[in-house]
Amino acid sequence: MKPNFNHVIFKKIRYKDNQVILTYEDETPHGNDKYTMESFDEPAPEFKKALSGLAPHVIDICELSNESPDNISVLGVSLSDTDGITGVTITALKNLVRSNAPLVLNTPHKPYESYTKDGDDSNCLTDDQIDAVETLVEAARDYLRGKRAQGDLFSTEEAA
């Protein structure tokens, strides 16, 4: 059964070594079906831009104020849902000068909003951070629909 791409719930969105990995659930009347898609089809530029757009937020969340976004490569995000509240952990790599391997960074888990009524919002994602994550989620949704670097794989329009 083909998922309803408008209703998939992403659990992980990852791009590493030219491979897109999407882990998601699709709501059905009998519960959520779980899927993992692994593809070497090059993502559309918007997908890569959405990933790199998270680099400044990794710097902010990890309190790396002296770091440049150019030294951060975002690999992906892990998403959770607790009582209808989305939470996010971002995974990135930071280039190191005196090492032959990068530093792997996982941001602390941050919810979109407090898990408790009248809770402390200072540990939540900012509106800009939420927008950046949602931009990536939409780019991943487009990837599932067939939008890739080489064009839309499932387009029904014929070339003129």
C-alpha atoms as a PDB file:
ATOM      1  CA  MET A   1       0.000   0.000   0.000  1.00  0.00           C
ATOM      2  CA  LYS A   2       1.404   3.378  -1.045  1.00  0.00           C
ATOM      3  CA  PRO A   3       1.785   5.814   1.884  1.00  0.00           C
ATOM      4  CA  ASN A   4      -0.199   9.032   1.958  1.00  0.00           C
ATOM      5  CA  PHE A   5       2.834  11.315   1.786  1.00  0.00           C
ATOM      6  CA  ASN A   6       0.891  14.189   3.340  1.00  0.00           C
ATOM      7  CA  HIS A   7       0.396  12.207   6.541  1.00  0.00           C
ATOM      8  CA  VAL A   8       3.699  10.394   7.035  1.00  0.00           C
ATOM      9  CA  ILE A   9       5.356  10.946  10.389  1.00  0.00           C
ATOM     10  CA  PHE A  10       9.120  11.187  10.011  1.00  0.00           C
ATOM     11  CA  LYS A  11      11.279   9.572  12.666  1.00  0.00           C
ATOM     12  CA  LYS A  12      14.664  10.108  10.977  1.00  0.00           C
ATOM     13  CA  ILE A  13      15.845  12.115   8.011  1.00  0.00           C
ATOM     14  CA  ARG A  14      19.474  11.527   7.063  1.00  0.00           C
ATOM     15  CA  TYR A  15      21.855  12.262   4.200  1.00  0.00           C
ATOM     16  CA  LYS A  16      25.360  10.837   4.350  1.00  0.00           C
ATOM     17  CA  ASP A  17      27.778   9.458   1.759  1.00  0.00           C
ATOM     18  CA  ASN A  18      25.357  10.430  -1.039  1.00  0.00           C
ATOM     19  CA  GLN A  19      22.587   8.296   0.445  1.00  0.00           C
ATOM     20  CA  VAL A  20      19.204   9.537   1.651  1.00  0.00           C
ATOM     21  CA  ILE A  21      17.717   7.515   4.504  1.00  0.00           C
ATOM     22  CA  LEU A  22      14.157   8.253   5.572  1.00  0.00           C
ATOM     23  CA  THR A  23      12.506   6.423   8.445  1.00  0.00           C
ATOM     24  CA  TYR A  24       8.829   7.193   8.806  1.00  0.00           C
ATOM     25  CA  GLU A  25       5.415   5.946   9.812  1.00  0.00           C
ATOM     26  CA  ASP A  26       2.167   6.091   7.885  1.00  0.00           C
ATOM     27  CA  GLU A  27      -1.086   6.268   9.800  1.00  0.00           C
ATOM     28  CA  THR A  28      -3.562   3.519   8.919  1.00  0.00           C
ATOM     29  CA  PRO A  29      -6.904   2.534  10.459  1.00  0.00           C
ATOM     30  CA  HIS A  30      -5.142  -0.394  12.159  1.00  0.00           C
ATOM     31  CA  GLY A  31      -2.130   1.518  13.520  1.00  0.00           C
ATOM     32  CA  ASN A  32       1.021   3.001  12.082  1.00  0.00           C
ATOM     33  CA  ASP A  33       2.906   1.133   9.367  1.00  0.00           C
ATOM     34  CA  LYS A  34       6.670   1.673   9.607  1.00  0.00           C
ATOM     35  CA  TYR A  35       8.983   2.208   6.643  1.00  0.00           C
ATOM     36  CA  THR A  36      12.645   2.890   5.941  1.00  0.00           C
ATOM     37  CA  MET A  37      13.678   4.177   2.543  1.00  0.00           C
ATOM     38  CA  GLU A  38      17.341   4.110   1.545  1.00  0.00           C
ATOM     39  CA  SER A  39      18.218   5.643  -1.803  1.00  0.00           C
ATOM     40  CA  PHE A  40      21.271   6.825  -3.693  1.00  0.00           C
ATOM     41  CA  ASP A  41      19.097   9.063  -5.904  1.00  0.00           C
ATOM     42  CA  GLU A  42      20.548  12.550  -5.522  1.00  0.00           C
ATOM     43  CA  PRO A  43      18.130  14.769  -3.558  1.00  0.00           C
ATOM     44  CA  ALA A  44      16.836  18.050  -4.945  1.00  0.00           C
ATOM     45  CA  PRO A  45      18.884  21.149  -4.066  1.00  0.00           C
ATOM     46  CA  GLU A  46      16.162  22.192  -1.598  1.00  0.00           C
ATOM     47  CA  PHE A  47      16.809  19.050   0.471  1.00  0.00           C
ATOM     48  CA  LYS A  48      20.531  19.784   0.785  1.00  0.00           C
ATOM     49  CA  LYS A  49      19.850  23.470   1.458  1.00  0.00           C
ATOM     50  CA  ALA A  50      17.410  22.550   4.234  1.00  0.00           C
ATOM     51  CA  LEU A  51      20.054  20.329   5.864  1.00  0.00           C
ATOM     52  CA  SER A  52      22.782  22.953   5.686  1.00  0.00           C
ATOM     53  CA  GLY A  53      20.282  25.530   6.954  1.00  0.00           C
ATOM     54  CA  LEU A  54      20.297  23.678  10.280  1.00  0.00           C
ATOM     55  CA  ALA A  55      24.044  24.315  10.843  1.00  0.00           C
ATOM     56  CA  PRO A  56      23.599  27.738  12.529  1.00  0.00           C
ATOM     57  CA  HIS A  57      20.979  26.169  14.804  1.00  0.00           C
ATOM     58  CA  VAL A  58      23.376  23.370  15.794  1.00  0.00           C
ATOM     59  CA  ILE A  59      25.868  26.075  16.765  1.00  0.00           C
ATOM     60  CA  ASP A  60      23.232  27.872  18.832  1.00  0.00           C
ATOM     61  CA  ILE A  61      21.809  24.768  20.525  1.00  0.00           C
ATOM     62  CA  CYS A  62      25.274  23.353  21.324  1.00  0.00           C
ATOM     63  CA  GLU A  63      26.460  26.770  22.530  1.00  0.00           C
ATOM     64  CA  LEU A  64      29.387  26.874  20.091  1.00  0.00           C
ATOM     65  CA  SER A  65      29.244  30.670  19.716  1.00  0.00           C
ATOM     66  CA  ASN A  66      32.707  31.024  18.131  1.00  0.00           C
ATOM     67  CA  GLU A  67      32.069  28.372  15.479  1.00  0.00           C
ATOM     68  CA  SER A  68      31.343  29.038  11.809  1.00  0.00           C
ATOM     69  CA  PRO A  69      28.443  27.269  10.069  1.00  0.00           C
ATOM     70  CA  ASP A  70      30.949  26.430   7.310  1.00  0.00           C
ATOM     71  CA  ASN A  71      32.656  24.000   9.731  1.00  0.00           C
ATOM     72  CA  ILE A  72      29.411  22.159  10.524  1.00  0.00           C
ATOM     73  CA  SER A  73      27.927  19.501   8.225  1.00  0.00           C
ATOM     74  CA  VAL A  74      24.436  18.438   9.229  1.00  0.00           C
ATOM     75  CA  LEU A  75      23.784  14.740   8.595  1.00  0.00           C
ATOM     76  CA  GLY A  76      20.170  14.632   9.677  1.00  0.00           C
ATOM     77  CA  VAL A  77      17.547  14.807  12.366  1.00  0.00           C
ATOM     78  CA  SER A  78      15.761  12.352  14.629  1.00  0.00           C
ATOM     79  CA  LEU A  79      12.188  13.270  15.471  1.00  0.00           C
ATOM     80  CA  SER A  80       9.942  12.069  18.246  1.00  0.00           C
ATOM     81  CA  ASP A  81       6.350  12.628  19.238  1.00  0.00           C
ATOM     82  CA  THR A  82       5.318  12.723  22.872  1.00  0.00           C
ATOM     83  CA  ASP A  83       1.675  13.546  23.564  1.00  0.00           C
ATOM     84  CA  GLY A  84       1.438  15.365  20.231  1.00  0.00           C
ATOM     85  CA  ILE A  85       4.561  17.463  20.809  1.00  0.00           C
ATOM     86  CA  THR A  86       7.409  17.049  18.335  1.00  0.00           C
ATOM     87  CA  GLY A  87      10.942  16.788  19.687  1.00  0.00           C
ATOM     88  CA  VAL A  88      14.155  16.927  17.660  1.00  0.00           C
ATOM     89  CA  THR A  89      17.798  15.887  17.909  1.00  0.00           C
ATOM     90  CA  ILE A  90      20.106  17.116  15.145  1.00  0.00           C
ATOM     91  CA  THR A  91      23.215  15.137  14.170  1.00  0.00           C
ATOM     92  CA  ALA A  92      26.140  16.976  12.609  1.00  0.00           C
ATOM     93  CA  LEU A  93      29.867  16.754  12.012  1.00  0.00           C
ATOM     94  CA  LYS A  94      32.374  19.450  12.971  1.00  0.00           C
ATOM     95  CA  ASN A  95      35.684  19.566  11.157  1.00  0.00           C
ATOM     96  CA  LEU A  96      38.708  19.418  13.458  1.00  0.00           C
ATOM     97  CA  VAL A  97      42.121  20.858  12.633  1.00  0.00           C
ATOM     98  CA  ARG A  98      44.300  18.414  14.565  1.00  0.00           C
ATOM     99  CA  SER A  99      42.379  15.209  13.933  1.00  0.00           C
ATOM    100  CA  ASN A 100      41.876  12.998  10.924  1.00  0.00           C
ATOM    101  CA  ALA A 101      38.206  12.526  11.750  1.00  0.00           C
ATOM    102  CA  PRO A 102      35.409  14.991  12.480  1.00  0.00           C
ATOM    103  CA  LEU A 103      33.699  15.492  15.819  1.00  0.00           C
ATOM    104  CA  VAL A 104      30.211  13.959  15.823  1.00  0.00           C
ATOM    105  CA  LEU A 105      27.671  16.285  17.406  1.00  0.00           C
ATOM    106  CA  ASN A 106      24.221  15.344  18.609  1.00  0.00           C
ATOM    107  CA  THR A 107      22.255  18.284  19.882  1.00  0.00           C
ATOM    108  CA  PRO A 108      20.295  17.805  23.078  1.00  0.00           C
ATOM    109  CA  HIS A 109      16.732  16.679  22.434  1.00  0.00           C
ATOM    110  CA  LYS A 110      14.598  19.811  22.103  1.00  0.00           C
ATOM    111  CA  PRO A 111      10.804  19.869  21.887  1.00  0.00           C
ATOM    112  CA  TYR A 112       8.798  22.338  19.823  1.00  0.00           C
ATOM    113  CA  GLU A 113       7.018  23.366  23.022  1.00  0.00           C
ATOM    114  CA  SER A 114       7.063  22.486  26.698  1.00  0.00           C
ATOM    115  CA  TYR A 115       5.763  19.040  27.600  1.00  0.00           C
ATOM    116  CA  THR A 116       3.934  20.479  30.603  1.00  0.00           C
ATOM    117  CA  LYS A 117       1.331  23.206  30.878  1.00  0.00           C
ATOM    118  CA  ASP A 118       2.990  26.433  32.009  1.00  0.00           C
ATOM    119  CA  GLY A 119       6.366  24.685  31.553  1.00  0.00           C
ATOM    120  CA  ASP A 120       9.709  26.330  30.902  1.00  0.00           C
ATOM    121  CA  ASP A 121       9.993  27.183  27.195  1.00  0.00           C
ATOM    122  CA  SER A 122      13.678  28.144  27.478  1.00  0.00           C
ATOM    123  CA  ASN A 123      14.671  24.539  26.709  1.00  0.00           C
ATOM    124  CA  CYS A 124      12.469  24.373  23.616  1.00  0.00           C
ATOM    125  CA  LEU A 125      13.333  25.084  20.008  1.00  0.00           C
ATOM    126  CA  THR A 126      12.903  28.676  18.879  1.00  0.00           C
ATOM    127  CA  ASP A 127      10.433  29.559  16.141  1.00  0.00           C
ATOM    128  CA  ASP A 128      13.333  29.924  13.655  1.00  0.00           C
ATOM    129  CA  GLN A 129      14.674  26.488  14.615  1.00  0.00           C
ATOM    130  CA  ILE A 130      11.233  24.915  14.224  1.00  0.00           C
ATOM    131  CA  ASP A 131      10.854  26.553  10.797  1.00  0.00           C
ATOM    132  CA  ALA A 132      14.257  25.147   9.740  1.00  0.00           C
ATOM    133  CA  VAL A 133      13.295  21.628  10.867  1.00  0.00           C
ATOM    134  CA  GLU A 134       9.910  21.875   9.139  1.00  0.00           C
ATOM    135  CA  THR A 135      11.644  23.001   5.934  1.00  0.00           C
ATOM    136  CA  LEU A 136      13.712  19.794   6.050  1.00  0.00           C
ATOM    137  CA  VAL A 137      10.620  17.694   6.808  1.00  0.00           C
ATOM    138  CA  GLU A 138       8.860  19.157   3.764  1.00  0.00           C
ATOM    139  CA  ALA A 139      11.954  18.514   1.595  1.00  0.00           C
ATOM    140  CA  ALA A 140      11.954  14.890   2.812  1.00  0.00           C
ATOM    141  CA  ARG A 141       8.245  14.633   2.014  1.00  0.00           C
ATOM    142  CA  ASP A 142       9.013  15.920  -1.500  1.00  0.00           C
ATOM    143  CA  TYR A 143      11.770  13.293  -1.817  1.00  0.00           C
ATOM    144  CA  LEU A 144       9.240  10.571  -1.003  1.00  0.00           C
ATOM    145  CA  ARG A 145       6.941  12.014  -3.649  1.00  0.00           C
ATOM    146  CA  GLY A 146       9.753  11.633  -6.196  1.00  0.00           C
ATOM    147  CA  LYS A 147      11.339  15.084  -6.288  1.00  0.00           C
ATOM    148  CA  ARG A 148      15.043  14.478  -6.912  1.00  0.00           C
ATOM    149  CA  ALA A 149      17.995  16.343  -8.383  1.00  0.00           C
ATOM    150  CA  GLN A 150      17.241  14.886 -11.821  1.00  0.00           C
ATOM    151  CA  GLY A 151      13.619  16.024 -11.617  1.00  0.00           C
ATOM    152  CA  ASP A 152      10.310  14.607 -10.489  1.00  0.00           C
ATOM    153  CA  LEU A 153      10.416  10.829 -10.911  1.00  0.00           C
ATOM    154  CA  PHE A 154       6.660  10.403 -10.705  1.00  0.00           C
ATOM    155  CA  SER A 155       5.503  13.363 -12.778  1.00  0.00           C
ATOM    156  CA  THR A 156       2.674  12.528 -15.162  1.00  0.00           C
ATOM    157  CA  GLU A 157       3.394  15.535 -17.387  1.00  0.00           C
ATOM    158  CA  GLU A 158       5.053  14.755 -20.695  1.00  0.00           C
ATOM    159  CA  ALA A 159       8.057  16.741 -21.869  1.00  0.00           C
ATOM    160  CA  ALA A 160       7.159  19.344 -24.494  1.00  0.00           C
END
